[in-house]
Amino acid sequence: MQSPRAPVPASERDSNLAATIARERSRLGNFIRRRVRDPMEAEDLLQDVLEELVEAYRLPEPLEQAGAWLFRVARNRIIDRFRRNKRRQSTDLKGAADESDENHRLNLELPGLDQGPEALYARSTVLEALQGALDELPPEQRDVFVEHELEGRSFKLMAETSGVPLNTLLTRKRSAVLHMRRRLQAVYDDLDF
């Protein structure tokens, strides 16, 4: 049976806290500034995160992996900031009409590359989730999705060249789109798109 940990003396906790702040402040500040355009707002976020660290050090349980904890808190604060500002383009997860009705199109809009660090962060988060969702698809669904959605091939042309019936291709694409929507919804909810 393992004995409970002895409480860390206050002076040692203060010393550990000061060492953590000295070690992580610069890296954490750079992390935040790369994602938040306004220098004053970036500094405010940094101070908020460091303040949370001080509060966490006051808790009876010791904080494990303070560096990783700091970056996780900073990331969450940046996401909260996205939610408040709402300066991104709206994202349409609904499908389009035409050859591919709403069951066959993802029609994903991403923040522009010229919209600043916040938009770049949101864009990279969405693209990373998109790639993960694509990787999860069965090969036949992924192939139809990529050919139709990314390469712009028509279902008719795909059916002619592959020999796979048109309705089978439509079903595979619909299944892929539904999976992608479900998988990406959590990302959009986190970023408040």
C-alpha atoms as a PDB file:
ATOM      1  CA  MET A   1       0.000   0.000   0.000  1.00  0.00           C
ATOM      2  CA  GLN A   2       1.374   3.364  -1.034  1.00  0.00           C
ATOM      3  CA  SER A   3       1.574   6.064   1.592  1.00  0.00           C
ATOM      4  CA  PRO A   4       0.007   9.469   0.877  1.00  0.00           C
ATOM      5  CA  ARG A   5       2.297  12.233  -0.301  1.00  0.00           C
ATOM      6  CA  ALA A   6       3.571  14.634   2.287  1.00  0.00           C
ATOM      7  CA  PRO A   7       2.410  18.207   1.679  1.00  0.00           C
ATOM      8  CA  VAL A   8       4.926  20.391  -0.119  1.00  0.00           C
ATOM      9  CA  PRO A   9       6.093  23.301   2.062  1.00  0.00           C
ATOM     10  CA  ALA A  10       4.859  26.729   0.939  1.00  0.00           C
ATOM     11  CA  SER A  11       8.390  28.023   0.309  1.00  0.00           C
ATOM     12  CA  GLU A  12       9.149  25.078  -1.985  1.00  0.00           C
ATOM     13  CA  ARG A  13       5.829  25.562  -3.818  1.00  0.00           C
ATOM     14  CA  ASP A  14       6.635  29.262  -4.320  1.00  0.00           C
ATOM     15  CA  SER A  15      10.087  28.371  -5.571  1.00  0.00           C
ATOM     16  CA  ASN A  16       8.657  25.782  -8.008  1.00  0.00           C
ATOM     17  CA  LEU A  17       6.092  28.309  -9.226  1.00  0.00           C
ATOM     18  CA  ALA A  18       8.737  30.982  -9.854  1.00  0.00           C
ATOM     19  CA  ALA A  19      10.934  28.475 -11.710  1.00  0.00           C
ATOM     20  CA  THR A  20       8.014  27.353 -13.889  1.00  0.00           C
ATOM     21  CA  ILE A  21       7.086  30.928 -14.786  1.00  0.00           C
ATOM     22  CA  ALA A  22      10.700  31.818 -15.593  1.00  0.00           C
ATOM     23  CA  ARG A  23      11.093  28.695 -17.732  1.00  0.00           C
ATOM     24  CA  GLU A  24       7.778  28.846 -19.641  1.00  0.00           C
ATOM     25  CA  ARG A  25       6.857  32.560 -19.887  1.00  0.00           C
ATOM     26  CA  SER A  26       8.766  33.334 -23.087  1.00  0.00           C
ATOM     27  CA  ARG A  27       7.636  30.206 -24.957  1.00  0.00           C
ATOM     28  CA  LEU A  28       4.068  30.644 -23.797  1.00  0.00           C
ATOM     29  CA  GLY A  29       4.073  34.315 -24.799  1.00  0.00           C
ATOM     30  CA  ASN A  30       5.325  33.412 -28.290  1.00  0.00           C
ATOM     31  CA  PHE A  31       2.663  30.701 -28.584  1.00  0.00           C
ATOM     32  CA  ILE A  32      -0.083  33.204 -27.760  1.00  0.00           C
ATOM     33  CA  ARG A  33       1.311  36.045 -29.920  1.00  0.00           C
ATOM     34  CA  ARG A  34       1.426  33.753 -32.975  1.00  0.00           C
ATOM     35  CA  ARG A  35      -2.312  33.206 -32.579  1.00  0.00           C
ATOM     36  CA  VAL A  36      -3.559  36.601 -31.359  1.00  0.00           C
ATOM     37  CA  ARG A  37      -2.923  39.622 -33.564  1.00  0.00           C
ATOM     38  CA  ASP A  38      -3.391  42.399 -30.988  1.00  0.00           C
ATOM     39  CA  PRO A  39      -0.231  42.600 -28.780  1.00  0.00           C
ATOM     40  CA  MET A  40      -2.159  44.042 -25.826  1.00  0.00           C
ATOM     41  CA  GLU A  41      -4.744  41.287 -25.978  1.00  0.00           C
ATOM     42  CA  ALA A  42      -1.984  38.673 -26.287  1.00  0.00           C
ATOM     43  CA  GLU A  43      -0.316  40.076 -23.175  1.00  0.00           C
ATOM     44  CA  ASP A  44      -3.652  40.036 -21.314  1.00  0.00           C
ATOM     45  CA  LEU A  45      -4.159  36.393 -22.266  1.00  0.00           C
ATOM     46  CA  LEU A  46      -0.635  35.567 -21.095  1.00  0.00           C
ATOM     47  CA  GLN A  47      -1.291  37.243 -17.747  1.00  0.00           C
ATOM     48  CA  ASP A  48      -4.613  35.406 -17.378  1.00  0.00           C
ATOM     49  CA  VAL A  49      -2.949  32.056 -18.018  1.00  0.00           C
ATOM     50  CA  LEU A  50      -0.159  32.808 -15.544  1.00  0.00           C
ATOM     51  CA  GLU A  51      -2.751  33.889 -12.990  1.00  0.00           C
ATOM     52  CA  GLU A  52      -4.507  30.536 -13.434  1.00  0.00           C
ATOM     53  CA  LEU A  53      -1.149  28.851 -12.836  1.00  0.00           C
ATOM     54  CA  VAL A  54      -0.733  30.704  -9.546  1.00  0.00           C
ATOM     55  CA  GLU A  55      -4.240  29.623  -8.500  1.00  0.00           C
ATOM     56  CA  ALA A  56      -3.509  26.021  -9.489  1.00  0.00           C
ATOM     57  CA  TYR A  57      -0.340  26.040  -7.372  1.00  0.00           C
ATOM     58  CA  ARG A  58      -2.464  26.965  -4.344  1.00  0.00           C
ATOM     59  CA  LEU A  59      -4.445  23.748  -4.630  1.00  0.00           C
ATOM     60  CA  PRO A  60      -3.499  20.918  -2.260  1.00  0.00           C
ATOM     61  CA  GLU A  61      -2.660  18.516  -5.094  1.00  0.00           C
ATOM     62  CA  PRO A  62       0.597  19.311  -6.907  1.00  0.00           C
ATOM     63  CA  LEU A  63       0.317  20.333 -10.536  1.00  0.00           C
ATOM     64  CA  GLU A  64       1.867  17.669 -12.782  1.00  0.00           C
ATOM     65  CA  GLN A  65       3.539  18.777 -16.038  1.00  0.00           C
ATOM     66  CA  ALA A  66       3.039  22.494 -15.545  1.00  0.00           C
ATOM     67  CA  GLY A  67       4.374  23.367 -19.007  1.00  0.00           C
ATOM     68  CA  ALA A  68       1.838  21.200 -20.835  1.00  0.00           C
ATOM     69  CA  TRP A  69      -0.896  22.448 -18.506  1.00  0.00           C
ATOM     70  CA  LEU A  70      -0.015  26.088 -19.349  1.00  0.00           C
ATOM     71  CA  PHE A  71      -0.244  25.503 -23.102  1.00  0.00           C
ATOM     72  CA  ARG A  72      -3.561  23.663 -22.749  1.00  0.00           C
ATOM     73  CA  VAL A  73      -4.999  26.562 -20.719  1.00  0.00           C
ATOM     74  CA  ALA A  74      -3.648  29.076 -23.276  1.00  0.00           C
ATOM     75  CA  ARG A  75      -5.206  27.128 -26.144  1.00  0.00           C
ATOM     76  CA  ASN A  76      -8.558  27.056 -24.336  1.00  0.00           C
ATOM     77  CA  ARG A  77      -8.371  30.803 -23.673  1.00  0.00           C
ATOM     78  CA  ILE A  78      -7.648  31.479 -27.356  1.00  0.00           C
ATOM     79  CA  ILE A  79     -10.647  29.357 -28.372  1.00  0.00           C
ATOM     80  CA  ASP A  80     -12.808  31.267 -25.879  1.00  0.00           C
ATOM     81  CA  ARG A  81     -11.578  34.473 -27.489  1.00  0.00           C
ATOM     82  CA  PHE A  82     -12.663  33.189 -30.923  1.00  0.00           C
ATOM     83  CA  ARG A  83     -16.109  32.581 -29.517  1.00  0.00           C
ATOM     84  CA  ARG A  84     -16.370  36.112 -28.162  1.00  0.00           C
ATOM     85  CA  ASN A  85     -15.039  37.961 -31.193  1.00  0.00           C
ATOM     86  CA  LYS A  86     -16.929  36.128 -33.923  1.00  0.00           C
ATOM     87  CA  ARG A  87     -14.871  37.835 -36.640  1.00  0.00           C
ATOM     88  CA  ARG A  88     -14.631  34.794 -38.860  1.00  0.00           C
ATOM     89  CA  GLN A  89     -16.556  33.983 -41.988  1.00  0.00           C
ATOM     90  CA  SER A  90     -19.540  31.795 -41.409  1.00  0.00           C
ATOM     91  CA  THR A  91     -19.053  28.165 -42.257  1.00  0.00           C
ATOM     92  CA  ASP A  92     -21.690  26.319 -44.173  1.00  0.00           C
ATOM     93  CA  LEU A  93     -21.896  22.617 -43.415  1.00  0.00           C
ATOM     94  CA  LYS A  94     -25.081  22.303 -45.434  1.00  0.00           C
ATOM     95  CA  GLY A  95     -24.960  20.736 -48.847  1.00  0.00           C
ATOM     96  CA  ALA A  96     -25.527  22.387 -52.195  1.00  0.00           C
ATOM     97  CA  ALA A  97     -28.295  21.685 -54.665  1.00  0.00           C
ATOM     98  CA  ASP A  98     -27.768  20.443 -58.215  1.00  0.00           C
ATOM     99  CA  GLU A  99     -26.044  17.179 -59.213  1.00  0.00           C
ATOM    100  CA  SER A 100     -25.082  16.745 -55.580  1.00  0.00           C
ATOM    101  CA  ASP A 101     -27.906  17.663 -53.298  1.00  0.00           C
ATOM    102  CA  GLU A 102     -27.360  18.356 -49.599  1.00  0.00           C
ATOM    103  CA  ASN A 103     -26.625  14.679 -48.969  1.00  0.00           C
ATOM    104  CA  HIS A 104     -23.678  14.688 -51.366  1.00  0.00           C
ATOM    105  CA  ARG A 105     -21.788  17.945 -50.717  1.00  0.00           C
ATOM    106  CA  LEU A 106     -19.795  19.077 -47.713  1.00  0.00           C
ATOM    107  CA  ASN A 107     -19.331  22.674 -48.970  1.00  0.00           C
ATOM    108  CA  LEU A 108     -16.827  23.635 -46.345  1.00  0.00           C
ATOM    109  CA  GLU A 109     -15.752  27.263 -46.067  1.00  0.00           C
ATOM    110  CA  LEU A 110     -12.543  28.026 -44.220  1.00  0.00           C
ATOM    111  CA  PRO A 111     -11.310  31.307 -42.764  1.00  0.00           C
ATOM    112  CA  GLY A 112      -9.117  33.169 -45.243  1.00  0.00           C
ATOM    113  CA  LEU A 113      -5.338  33.113 -45.118  1.00  0.00           C
ATOM    114  CA  ASP A 114      -5.295  36.917 -44.906  1.00  0.00           C
ATOM    115  CA  GLN A 115      -7.570  37.207 -41.842  1.00  0.00           C
ATOM    116  CA  GLY A 116      -4.849  37.138 -39.219  1.00  0.00           C
ATOM    117  CA  PRO A 117      -3.419  34.641 -36.752  1.00  0.00           C
ATOM    118  CA  GLU A 118      -6.761  33.705 -35.187  1.00  0.00           C
ATOM    119  CA  ALA A 119      -8.169  32.705 -38.563  1.00  0.00           C
ATOM    120  CA  LEU A 120      -4.994  30.792 -39.435  1.00  0.00           C
ATOM    121  CA  TYR A 121      -5.265  28.877 -36.160  1.00  0.00           C
ATOM    122  CA  ALA A 122      -8.938  28.071 -36.814  1.00  0.00           C
ATOM    123  CA  ARG A 123      -8.140  27.091 -40.406  1.00  0.00           C
ATOM    124  CA  SER A 124      -5.338  24.742 -39.389  1.00  0.00           C
ATOM    125  CA  THR A 125      -7.535  23.176 -36.680  1.00  0.00           C
ATOM    126  CA  VAL A 126     -10.336  22.517 -39.186  1.00  0.00           C
ATOM    127  CA  LEU A 127      -7.958  21.169 -41.854  1.00  0.00           C
ATOM    128  CA  GLU A 128      -6.332  18.843 -39.333  1.00  0.00           C
ATOM    129  CA  ALA A 129      -9.748  17.510 -38.284  1.00  0.00           C
ATOM    130  CA  LEU A 130     -10.760  17.191 -41.941  1.00  0.00           C
ATOM    131  CA  GLN A 131      -7.687  15.079 -42.688  1.00  0.00           C
ATOM    132  CA  GLY A 132      -8.375  12.911 -39.640  1.00  0.00           C
ATOM    133  CA  ALA A 133     -11.992  12.407 -40.727  1.00  0.00           C
ATOM    134  CA  LEU A 134     -10.881  11.504 -44.258  1.00  0.00           C
ATOM    135  CA  ASP A 135      -8.406   8.964 -42.893  1.00  0.00           C
ATOM    136  CA  GLU A 136     -11.223   7.281 -40.941  1.00  0.00           C
ATOM    137  CA  LEU A 137     -13.354   6.639 -44.034  1.00  0.00           C
ATOM    138  CA  PRO A 138     -13.381   3.242 -45.718  1.00  0.00           C
ATOM    139  CA  PRO A 139     -11.278   3.407 -48.931  1.00  0.00           C
ATOM    140  CA  GLU A 140     -14.252   3.214 -51.329  1.00  0.00           C
ATOM    141  CA  GLN A 141     -16.025   6.116 -49.571  1.00  0.00           C
ATOM    142  CA  ARG A 142     -12.827   8.157 -49.325  1.00  0.00           C
ATOM    143  CA  ASP A 143     -12.087   7.662 -53.038  1.00  0.00           C
ATOM    144  CA  VAL A 144     -15.557   8.807 -54.112  1.00  0.00           C
ATOM    145  CA  PHE A 145     -15.416  11.764 -51.711  1.00  0.00           C
ATOM    146  CA  VAL A 146     -11.993  12.893 -52.957  1.00  0.00           C
ATOM    147  CA  GLU A 147     -12.852  12.469 -56.646  1.00  0.00           C
ATOM    148  CA  HIS A 148     -16.155  14.305 -56.381  1.00  0.00           C
ATOM    149  CA  GLU A 149     -15.521  16.897 -53.664  1.00  0.00           C
ATOM    150  CA  LEU A 150     -11.862  17.729 -54.248  1.00  0.00           C
ATOM    151  CA  GLU A 151     -11.211  16.823 -57.887  1.00  0.00           C
ATOM    152  CA  GLY A 152     -14.633  17.946 -59.170  1.00  0.00           C
ATOM    153  CA  ARG A 153     -15.478  14.770 -61.094  1.00  0.00           C
ATOM    154  CA  SER A 154     -19.124  14.080 -61.814  1.00  0.00           C
ATOM    155  CA  PHE A 155     -20.809  10.937 -60.564  1.00  0.00           C
ATOM    156  CA  LYS A 156     -21.679  10.039 -64.151  1.00  0.00           C
ATOM    157  CA  LEU A 157     -18.022  10.169 -65.219  1.00  0.00           C
ATOM    158  CA  MET A 158     -16.923   8.187 -62.150  1.00  0.00           C
ATOM    159  CA  ALA A 159     -19.557   5.526 -62.894  1.00  0.00           C
ATOM    160  CA  GLU A 160     -18.431   5.269 -66.526  1.00  0.00           C
ATOM    161  CA  THR A 161     -14.716   5.010 -65.734  1.00  0.00           C
ATOM    162  CA  SER A 162     -14.963   2.727 -62.686  1.00  0.00           C
ATOM    163  CA  GLY A 163     -17.832   0.463 -63.705  1.00  0.00           C
ATOM    164  CA  VAL A 164     -19.438   1.036 -60.287  1.00  0.00           C
ATOM    165  CA  PRO A 165     -23.194   1.768 -60.537  1.00  0.00           C
ATOM    166  CA  LEU A 166     -24.156   5.426 -60.137  1.00  0.00           C
ATOM    167  CA  ASN A 167     -26.431   4.739 -57.145  1.00  0.00           C
ATOM    168  CA  THR A 168     -23.597   2.923 -55.355  1.00  0.00           C
ATOM    169  CA  LEU A 169     -21.327   5.936 -55.846  1.00  0.00           C
ATOM    170  CA  LEU A 170     -24.077   8.264 -54.581  1.00  0.00           C
ATOM    171  CA  THR A 171     -24.571   6.101 -51.481  1.00  0.00           C
ATOM    172  CA  ARG A 172     -20.825   6.002 -50.758  1.00  0.00           C
ATOM    173  CA  LYS A 173     -20.507   9.762 -51.135  1.00  0.00           C
ATOM    174  CA  ARG A 174     -23.557  10.387 -48.931  1.00  0.00           C
ATOM    175  CA  SER A 175     -22.123   8.118 -46.222  1.00  0.00           C
ATOM    176  CA  ALA A 176     -18.769   9.920 -46.432  1.00  0.00           C
ATOM    177  CA  VAL A 177     -20.387  13.355 -46.166  1.00  0.00           C
ATOM    178  CA  LEU A 178     -22.491  12.334 -43.165  1.00  0.00           C
ATOM    179  CA  HIS A 179     -19.393  10.969 -41.427  1.00  0.00           C
ATOM    180  CA  MET A 180     -17.429  14.143 -42.194  1.00  0.00           C
ATOM    181  CA  ARG A 181     -20.229  16.364 -40.882  1.00  0.00           C
ATOM    182  CA  ARG A 182     -20.492  14.410 -37.635  1.00  0.00           C
ATOM    183  CA  ARG A 183     -16.735  14.347 -37.179  1.00  0.00           C
ATOM    184  CA  LEU A 184     -16.214  18.058 -37.932  1.00  0.00           C
ATOM    185  CA  GLN A 185     -19.156  19.286 -35.885  1.00  0.00           C
ATOM    186  CA  ALA A 186     -17.198  18.962 -32.629  1.00  0.00           C
ATOM    187  CA  VAL A 187     -14.427  21.134 -34.075  1.00  0.00           C
ATOM    188  CA  TYR A 188     -16.907  23.774 -35.197  1.00  0.00           C
ATOM    189  CA  ASP A 189     -18.589  23.705 -31.801  1.00  0.00           C
ATOM    190  CA  ASP A 190     -15.208  24.217 -30.086  1.00  0.00           C
ATOM    191  CA  LEU A 191     -14.359  27.117 -32.384  1.00  0.00           C
ATOM    192  CA  ASP A 192     -17.971  28.396 -32.333  1.00  0.00           C
ATOM    193  CA  PHE A 193     -18.345  28.503 -36.104  1.00  0.00           C
END
